[in-house]
Amino acid sequence: MRSRRAHRLAFYALMLALAMIFSYLETLIPVPFFVPGMKLGLANVVTMVVLYKIGAREAAVISLARICLSALLFSGAFGLIYSLAGGALSLAVMILLKRSGRFGMTGVSVAGGVCHNFAQIGVAALLLETGALLSYLPVLVVSGAVTGWLIGMLGGLLLSKLARLHL
């Protein structure tokens, strides 16, 4: 029993560490987009893997831990607010779509990427008290779909590698 619990804890720690590495790498990548603060969302590969390999609750815990630690290390309080909003809506939508059984991992990830951007632009519009930010939505929908597709593909690849390792 202890061995199984220790194995599970080690896997969670590995996933959180990997998500943090991806978050850090993302700070090093200059992304020439039209929307300030836009990122690729590489750490969401880990969220997808945990969601599909273990479950929704565990994906939520890993995602929340990663968002809080990343804000502490890289982005500060406003980054935390935006990331929590985006992460919460994104994960909720991904969990619902996965449970529906009608979408593959890539489709679930695309929906998550788009919803993440909707939540963040909504929070920004509220905090800055301007609807003008909504003009970024077309760019954000496209970028969320593209990065969501990429994250879904990478997540599927990582999941298949983990399956071969019996992790």
C-alpha atoms as a PDB file:
ATOM      1  CA  MET A   1       0.000   0.000   0.000  1.00  0.00           C
ATOM      2  CA  ARG A   2       2.777   2.442   0.908  1.00  0.00           C
ATOM      3  CA  SER A   3       4.636   1.649  -2.279  1.00  0.00           C
ATOM      4  CA  ARG A   4       1.611   2.538  -4.390  1.00  0.00           C
ATOM      5  CA  ARG A   5       1.056   5.773  -2.458  1.00  0.00           C
ATOM      6  CA  ALA A   6       4.739   6.685  -2.743  1.00  0.00           C
ATOM      7  CA  HIS A   7       4.668   5.918  -6.473  1.00  0.00           C
ATOM      8  CA  ARG A   8       1.622   8.160  -6.951  1.00  0.00           C
ATOM      9  CA  LEU A   9       3.172  11.008  -4.944  1.00  0.00           C
ATOM     10  CA  ALA A  10       6.408  10.721  -6.928  1.00  0.00           C
ATOM     11  CA  PHE A  11       4.435  10.870 -10.187  1.00  0.00           C
ATOM     12  CA  TYR A  12       2.560  13.993  -9.036  1.00  0.00           C
ATOM     13  CA  ALA A  13       5.831  15.629  -8.012  1.00  0.00           C
ATOM     14  CA  LEU A  14       7.342  14.748 -11.383  1.00  0.00           C
ATOM     15  CA  MET A  15       4.360  16.243 -13.221  1.00  0.00           C
ATOM     16  CA  LEU A  16       4.470  19.442 -11.162  1.00  0.00           C
ATOM     17  CA  ALA A  17       8.221  19.759 -11.701  1.00  0.00           C
ATOM     18  CA  LEU A  18       7.769  19.256 -15.442  1.00  0.00           C
ATOM     19  CA  ALA A  19       5.008  21.870 -15.533  1.00  0.00           C
ATOM     20  CA  MET A  20       7.261  24.324 -13.688  1.00  0.00           C
ATOM     21  CA  ILE A  21      10.110  23.668 -16.132  1.00  0.00           C
ATOM     22  CA  PHE A  22       7.745  24.345 -19.034  1.00  0.00           C
ATOM     23  CA  SER A  23       6.525  27.524 -17.333  1.00  0.00           C
ATOM     24  CA  TYR A  24      10.088  28.725 -16.895  1.00  0.00           C
ATOM     25  CA  LEU A  25      11.041  27.861 -20.488  1.00  0.00           C
ATOM     26  CA  GLU A  26       8.053  29.833 -21.661  1.00  0.00           C
ATOM     27  CA  THR A  27       9.426  32.966 -19.978  1.00  0.00           C
ATOM     28  CA  LEU A  28      12.541  32.595 -22.139  1.00  0.00           C
ATOM     29  CA  ILE A  29      10.688  32.343 -25.447  1.00  0.00           C
ATOM     30  CA  PRO A  30       9.976  35.701 -27.056  1.00  0.00           C
ATOM     31  CA  VAL A  31       6.515  35.377 -28.589  1.00  0.00           C
ATOM     32  CA  PRO A  32       5.930  38.080 -31.197  1.00  0.00           C
ATOM     33  CA  PHE A  33       2.154  38.308 -30.890  1.00  0.00           C
ATOM     34  CA  PHE A  34      -0.145  41.308 -31.062  1.00  0.00           C
ATOM     35  CA  VAL A  35      -1.579  40.758 -27.598  1.00  0.00           C
ATOM     36  CA  PRO A  36       0.621  41.714 -24.620  1.00  0.00           C
ATOM     37  CA  GLY A  37       1.429  38.847 -22.270  1.00  0.00           C
ATOM     38  CA  MET A  38       0.409  36.129 -24.710  1.00  0.00           C
ATOM     39  CA  LYS A  39       2.121  32.784 -24.104  1.00  0.00           C
ATOM     40  CA  LEU A  40       2.190  29.388 -25.740  1.00  0.00           C
ATOM     41  CA  GLY A  41       0.850  27.525 -22.693  1.00  0.00           C
ATOM     42  CA  LEU A  42       3.470  24.771 -22.712  1.00  0.00           C
ATOM     43  CA  ALA A  43       2.785  23.828 -19.084  1.00  0.00           C
ATOM     44  CA  ASN A  44      -0.719  22.817 -20.140  1.00  0.00           C
ATOM     45  CA  VAL A  45       0.801  19.729 -21.760  1.00  0.00           C
ATOM     46  CA  VAL A  46       1.211  18.423 -18.227  1.00  0.00           C
ATOM     47  CA  THR A  47      -2.375  19.315 -17.319  1.00  0.00           C
ATOM     48  CA  MET A  48      -3.604  17.348 -20.320  1.00  0.00           C
ATOM     49  CA  VAL A  49      -1.467  14.333 -19.461  1.00  0.00           C
ATOM     50  CA  VAL A  50      -2.621  14.304 -15.841  1.00  0.00           C
ATOM     51  CA  LEU A  51      -6.266  14.782 -16.882  1.00  0.00           C
ATOM     52  CA  TYR A  52      -6.107  11.822 -19.260  1.00  0.00           C
ATOM     53  CA  LYS A  53      -3.790   9.553 -17.277  1.00  0.00           C
ATOM     54  CA  ILE A  54      -5.087  10.068 -13.732  1.00  0.00           C
ATOM     55  CA  GLY A  55      -8.189  12.241 -13.544  1.00  0.00           C
ATOM     56  CA  ALA A  56      -9.861  15.615 -13.193  1.00  0.00           C
ATOM     57  CA  ARG A  57      -9.200  16.203  -9.499  1.00  0.00           C
ATOM     58  CA  GLU A  58      -5.499  15.500  -9.858  1.00  0.00           C
ATOM     59  CA  ALA A  59      -5.265  17.692 -12.963  1.00  0.00           C
ATOM     60  CA  ALA A  60      -6.908  20.511 -11.013  1.00  0.00           C
ATOM     61  CA  VAL A  61      -4.471  20.125  -8.102  1.00  0.00           C
ATOM     62  CA  ILE A  62      -1.405  20.058 -10.365  1.00  0.00           C
ATOM     63  CA  SER A  63      -2.732  22.999 -12.387  1.00  0.00           C
ATOM     64  CA  LEU A  64      -3.493  25.080  -9.293  1.00  0.00           C
ATOM     65  CA  ALA A  65      -0.100  24.336  -7.754  1.00  0.00           C
ATOM     66  CA  ARG A  66       1.657  25.231 -11.006  1.00  0.00           C
ATOM     67  CA  ILE A  67      -0.292  28.468 -11.426  1.00  0.00           C
ATOM     68  CA  CYS A  68       0.443  29.592  -7.856  1.00  0.00           C
ATOM     69  CA  LEU A  69       4.126  28.685  -8.011  1.00  0.00           C
ATOM     70  CA  SER A  70       4.558  30.258 -11.448  1.00  0.00           C
ATOM     71  CA  ALA A  71       2.935  33.483 -10.266  1.00  0.00           C
ATOM     72  CA  LEU A  72       5.201  33.532  -7.237  1.00  0.00           C
ATOM     73  CA  LEU A  73       8.308  32.973  -9.342  1.00  0.00           C
ATOM     74  CA  PHE A  74       7.565  34.632 -12.681  1.00  0.00           C
ATOM     75  CA  SER A  75       4.505  36.866 -12.953  1.00  0.00           C
ATOM     76  CA  GLY A  76       3.242  38.286  -9.647  1.00  0.00           C
ATOM     77  CA  ALA A  77      -0.264  38.986  -8.368  1.00  0.00           C
ATOM     78  CA  PHE A  78      -1.837  40.109 -11.634  1.00  0.00           C
ATOM     79  CA  GLY A  79      -0.371  37.111 -13.411  1.00  0.00           C
ATOM     80  CA  LEU A  80      -1.939  34.938 -10.716  1.00  0.00           C
ATOM     81  CA  ILE A  81      -5.376  36.498 -11.242  1.00  0.00           C
ATOM     82  CA  TYR A  82      -5.252  36.080 -15.017  1.00  0.00           C
ATOM     83  CA  SER A  83      -3.839  32.561 -14.829  1.00  0.00           C
ATOM     84  CA  LEU A  84      -6.361  31.392 -12.230  1.00  0.00           C
ATOM     85  CA  ALA A  85      -9.260  32.660 -14.331  1.00  0.00           C
ATOM     86  CA  GLY A  86      -7.901  31.139 -17.518  1.00  0.00           C
ATOM     87  CA  GLY A  87      -6.894  27.898 -15.861  1.00  0.00           C
ATOM     88  CA  ALA A  88     -10.208  27.422 -14.063  1.00  0.00           C
ATOM     89  CA  LEU A  89     -12.427  27.973 -17.109  1.00  0.00           C
ATOM     90  CA  SER A  90     -10.102  26.044 -19.379  1.00  0.00           C
ATOM     91  CA  LEU A  91      -9.906  23.031 -17.083  1.00  0.00           C
ATOM     92  CA  ALA A  92     -13.649  23.007 -16.411  1.00  0.00           C
ATOM     93  CA  VAL A  93     -14.404  22.971 -20.140  1.00  0.00           C
ATOM     94  CA  MET A  94     -11.765  20.322 -20.813  1.00  0.00           C
ATOM     95  CA  ILE A  95     -13.131  18.076 -18.059  1.00  0.00           C
ATOM     96  CA  LEU A  96     -16.682  18.378 -19.420  1.00  0.00           C
ATOM     97  CA  LEU A  97     -15.632  17.712 -23.014  1.00  0.00           C
ATOM     98  CA  LYS A  98     -13.443  14.763 -22.027  1.00  0.00           C
ATOM     99  CA  ARG A  99     -16.291  13.253 -19.989  1.00  0.00           C
ATOM    100  CA  SER A 100     -18.671  13.676 -22.923  1.00  0.00           C
ATOM    101  CA  GLY A 101     -16.582  11.209 -24.907  1.00  0.00           C
ATOM    102  CA  ARG A 102     -17.243  13.151 -28.107  1.00  0.00           C
ATOM    103  CA  PHE A 103     -13.824  14.760 -28.439  1.00  0.00           C
ATOM    104  CA  GLY A 104     -10.291  13.493 -28.642  1.00  0.00           C
ATOM    105  CA  MET A 105      -7.433  14.905 -26.646  1.00  0.00           C
ATOM    106  CA  THR A 106      -6.569  17.469 -29.305  1.00  0.00           C
ATOM    107  CA  GLY A 107     -10.145  18.747 -29.558  1.00  0.00           C
ATOM    108  CA  VAL A 108     -10.390  18.998 -25.784  1.00  0.00           C
ATOM    109  CA  SER A 109      -7.121  20.912 -25.717  1.00  0.00           C
ATOM    110  CA  VAL A 110      -8.231  23.327 -28.463  1.00  0.00           C
ATOM    111  CA  ALA A 111     -11.398  24.131 -26.515  1.00  0.00           C
ATOM    112  CA  GLY A 112      -9.311  24.603 -23.376  1.00  0.00           C
ATOM    113  CA  GLY A 113      -6.922  26.970 -25.136  1.00  0.00           C
ATOM    114  CA  VAL A 114      -9.719  29.111 -26.532  1.00  0.00           C
ATOM    115  CA  CYS A 115     -11.583  29.210 -23.199  1.00  0.00           C
ATOM    116  CA  HIS A 116      -8.381  30.121 -21.366  1.00  0.00           C
ATOM    117  CA  ASN A 117      -8.052  33.185 -23.591  1.00  0.00           C
ATOM    118  CA  PHE A 118     -11.716  34.127 -23.171  1.00  0.00           C
ATOM    119  CA  ALA A 119     -11.361  34.048 -19.396  1.00  0.00           C
ATOM    120  CA  GLN A 120      -8.157  36.064 -19.366  1.00  0.00           C
ATOM    121  CA  ILE A 121      -9.455  38.776 -21.681  1.00  0.00           C
ATOM    122  CA  GLY A 122     -12.668  38.929 -19.657  1.00  0.00           C
ATOM    123  CA  VAL A 123     -10.726  39.421 -16.429  1.00  0.00           C
ATOM    124  CA  ALA A 124      -8.512  42.039 -18.073  1.00  0.00           C
ATOM    125  CA  ALA A 125     -11.564  43.936 -19.380  1.00  0.00           C
ATOM    126  CA  LEU A 126     -13.093  43.911 -15.882  1.00  0.00           C
ATOM    127  CA  LEU A 127      -9.917  44.912 -14.049  1.00  0.00           C
ATOM    128  CA  LEU A 128      -9.011  47.646 -16.508  1.00  0.00           C
ATOM    129  CA  GLU A 129     -12.648  48.680 -16.884  1.00  0.00           C
ATOM    130  CA  THR A 130     -12.572  48.792 -20.658  1.00  0.00           C
ATOM    131  CA  GLY A 131     -14.399  46.777 -23.255  1.00  0.00           C
ATOM    132  CA  ALA A 132     -11.829  47.810 -25.845  1.00  0.00           C
ATOM    133  CA  LEU A 133      -9.774  44.755 -24.902  1.00  0.00           C
ATOM    134  CA  LEU A 134     -12.460  42.562 -26.416  1.00  0.00           C
ATOM    135  CA  SER A 135     -11.124  43.625 -29.826  1.00  0.00           C
ATOM    136  CA  TYR A 136      -8.282  41.171 -29.162  1.00  0.00           C
ATOM    137  CA  LEU A 137     -10.737  38.236 -29.136  1.00  0.00           C
ATOM    138  CA  PRO A 138     -10.368  37.263 -32.819  1.00  0.00           C
ATOM    139  CA  VAL A 139      -6.584  37.001 -32.444  1.00  0.00           C
ATOM    140  CA  LEU A 140      -6.996  35.175 -29.133  1.00  0.00           C
ATOM    141  CA  VAL A 141      -9.465  32.650 -30.542  1.00  0.00           C
ATOM    142  CA  VAL A 142      -7.096  31.797 -33.388  1.00  0.00           C
ATOM    143  CA  SER A 143      -4.031  31.664 -31.149  1.00  0.00           C
ATOM    144  CA  GLY A 144      -5.907  29.593 -28.538  1.00  0.00           C
ATOM    145  CA  ALA A 145      -6.951  27.125 -31.218  1.00  0.00           C
ATOM    146  CA  VAL A 146      -3.452  26.848 -32.679  1.00  0.00           C
ATOM    147  CA  THR A 147      -1.671  26.504 -29.349  1.00  0.00           C
ATOM    148  CA  GLY A 148      -4.434  24.213 -28.077  1.00  0.00           C
ATOM    149  CA  TRP A 149      -3.854  21.944 -31.063  1.00  0.00           C
ATOM    150  CA  LEU A 150      -0.106  21.950 -30.413  1.00  0.00           C
ATOM    151  CA  ILE A 151      -0.590  21.229 -26.698  1.00  0.00           C
ATOM    152  CA  GLY A 152      -3.054  18.429 -27.476  1.00  0.00           C
ATOM    153  CA  MET A 153      -0.639  16.824 -29.926  1.00  0.00           C
ATOM    154  CA  LEU A 154       2.293  17.085 -27.501  1.00  0.00           C
ATOM    155  CA  GLY A 155       0.128  15.783 -24.657  1.00  0.00           C
ATOM    156  CA  GLY A 156      -0.901  12.772 -26.716  1.00  0.00           C
ATOM    157  CA  LEU A 157       2.717  12.070 -27.587  1.00  0.00           C
ATOM    158  CA  LEU A 158       3.824  12.327 -23.952  1.00  0.00           C
ATOM    159  CA  LEU A 159       0.903  10.163 -22.823  1.00  0.00           C
ATOM    160  CA  SER A 160       1.858   7.433 -25.279  1.00  0.00           C
ATOM    161  CA  LYS A 161       5.477   7.545 -24.075  1.00  0.00           C
ATOM    162  CA  LEU A 162       4.342   7.265 -20.454  1.00  0.00           C
ATOM    163  CA  ALA A 163       2.127   4.294 -21.339  1.00  0.00           C
ATOM    164  CA  ARG A 164       5.140   2.452 -22.706  1.00  0.00           C
ATOM    165  CA  LEU A 165       7.006   3.133 -19.460  1.00  0.00           C
ATOM    166  CA  HIS A 166       4.029   1.842 -17.430  1.00  0.00           C
ATOM    167  CA  LEU A 167       3.923   5.010 -15.333  1.00  0.00           C
END
